[in-house]
Amino acid sequence: MPEVAPRPPIASLGWAATVGSLVMYFSFIDQIVRNLHGEKGSMILPAATCLCCALWVSYGWVRGLRDWPIVLANIPGVVLGGITFATAL
C-alpha cells in the first residue's frame, strides 16, 4: 500500500474553519423559524452575512485552483442568510 503524504497544517485549519462556519450559518435556522412564527428579527445581520458570503464564494471560485474550503464554508451563509433576510421582511 503506498504511503500517503501528511496534510499540511494549513489545510487542516481551512477545513476546521469550514466546519465552524457551517455551524454558525446553520444557527440561522432558529431565527428563520422564529420569523415564520411572527417574531421578526433584524434584517441587517442576515443581509450582511448573505453579501459577505457571496463575495467569499466568488473569491474561492475564481482562484486558480478553486479554494473549496472557502466555497463550501460560505454557500450555506448565502442561502441561509438570504432566507433569514426574506423571512424577516
Protein backbone atom coordinates (compact mmCIF):
# COMPACT_ATOMS: atom_id res chain seq x y z
CA MET A 1 0.00 0.00 0.00
CA PRO A 2 1.51 3.40 -0.96
CA GLU A 3 2.25 5.89 1.76
CA VAL A 4 0.02 8.94 1.94
CA ALA A 5 1.75 12.27 2.40
CA PRO A 6 0.69 14.12 5.56
CA ARG A 7 -1.61 17.08 5.09
CA PRO A 8 -0.06 20.46 5.78
CA PRO A 9 -1.41 22.14 8.94
CA ILE A 10 -2.89 25.00 6.90
CA ALA A 11 -5.18 22.56 5.05
CA SER A 12 -6.45 21.18 8.35
CA LEU A 13 -7.01 24.72 9.61
CA GLY A 14 -9.00 25.55 6.48
CA TRP A 15 -11.31 22.57 6.93
CA ALA A 16 -11.72 23.28 10.67
CA ALA A 17 -12.76 26.84 9.77
CA THR A 18 -15.20 25.40 7.23
CA VAL A 19 -16.88 23.30 9.93
CA GLY A 20 -17.03 26.32 12.26
CA SER A 21 -18.62 28.45 9.55
CA LEU A 22 -21.22 25.80 8.80
CA VAL A 23 -22.20 25.60 12.47
CA MET A 24 -22.52 29.39 12.59
CA TYR A 25 -24.65 29.60 9.44
CA PHE A 26 -26.97 26.80 10.47
CA SER A 27 -27.73 28.77 13.63
CA PHE A 28 -29.81 31.00 11.32
CA ILE A 29 -32.40 28.20 11.14
CA ASP A 30 -33.62 29.11 14.64
CA GLN A 31 -34.12 32.74 13.57
CA ILE A 32 -35.93 31.64 10.40
CA VAL A 33 -38.36 29.55 12.48
CA ARG A 34 -38.91 32.49 14.85
CA ASN A 35 -39.51 34.84 11.91
CA LEU A 36 -42.06 32.47 10.45
CA HIS A 37 -43.87 32.38 13.81
CA GLY A 38 -44.18 36.17 13.86
CA GLU A 39 -41.15 37.09 15.97
CA LYS A 40 -39.46 39.38 13.45
CA GLY A 41 -35.74 39.91 13.84
CA SER A 42 -33.27 42.37 12.40
CA MET A 43 -32.61 42.25 8.66
CA ILE A 44 -29.13 43.80 8.90
CA LEU A 45 -27.16 40.74 10.07
CA PRO A 46 -28.64 38.27 7.56
CA ALA A 47 -28.27 40.76 4.69
CA ALA A 48 -24.64 41.43 5.61
CA THR A 49 -23.99 37.69 6.01
CA CYS A 50 -25.52 36.91 2.61
CA LEU A 51 -23.48 39.62 0.85
CA CYS A 52 -20.22 38.79 2.61
CA CYS A 53 -20.58 35.06 1.97
CA ALA A 54 -21.44 35.68 -1.69
CA LEU A 55 -18.20 37.65 -2.03
CA TRP A 56 -16.21 34.83 -0.38
CA VAL A 57 -17.84 32.20 -2.60
CA SER A 58 -16.92 34.30 -5.63
CA TYR A 59 -13.35 34.70 -4.40
CA GLY A 60 -12.93 30.98 -3.67
CA TRP A 61 -14.47 30.05 -7.02
CA VAL A 62 -12.29 32.27 -9.22
CA ARG A 63 -8.98 31.43 -7.55
CA GLY A 64 -6.65 29.45 -9.78
CA LEU A 65 -7.20 26.04 -8.18
CA ARG A 66 -10.57 26.86 -6.56
CA ASP A 67 -10.39 27.12 -2.81
CA TRP A 68 -13.00 24.52 -1.84
CA PRO A 69 -12.93 25.13 1.94
CA ILE A 70 -13.81 28.79 1.34
CA VAL A 71 -16.50 27.99 -1.24
CA LEU A 72 -18.15 25.21 0.78
CA ALA A 73 -17.99 27.14 4.05
CA ASN A 74 -19.79 30.14 2.59
CA ILE A 75 -22.53 28.66 0.37
CA PRO A 76 -24.77 27.94 3.41
CA GLY A 77 -24.24 31.54 4.54
CA VAL A 78 -25.56 32.82 1.21
CA VAL A 79 -28.59 30.52 1.28
CA LEU A 80 -29.49 30.76 4.97
CA GLY A 81 -28.66 34.48 5.21
CA GLY A 82 -30.94 35.11 2.23
CA ILE A 83 -33.77 33.02 3.70
CA THR A 84 -33.40 34.72 7.09
CA PHE A 85 -33.49 38.15 5.43
CA ALA A 86 -36.58 37.24 3.39
CA THR A 87 -38.48 35.86 6.37
CA ALA A 88 -37.63 38.95 8.47
CA LEU A 89 -39.41 41.25 6.00
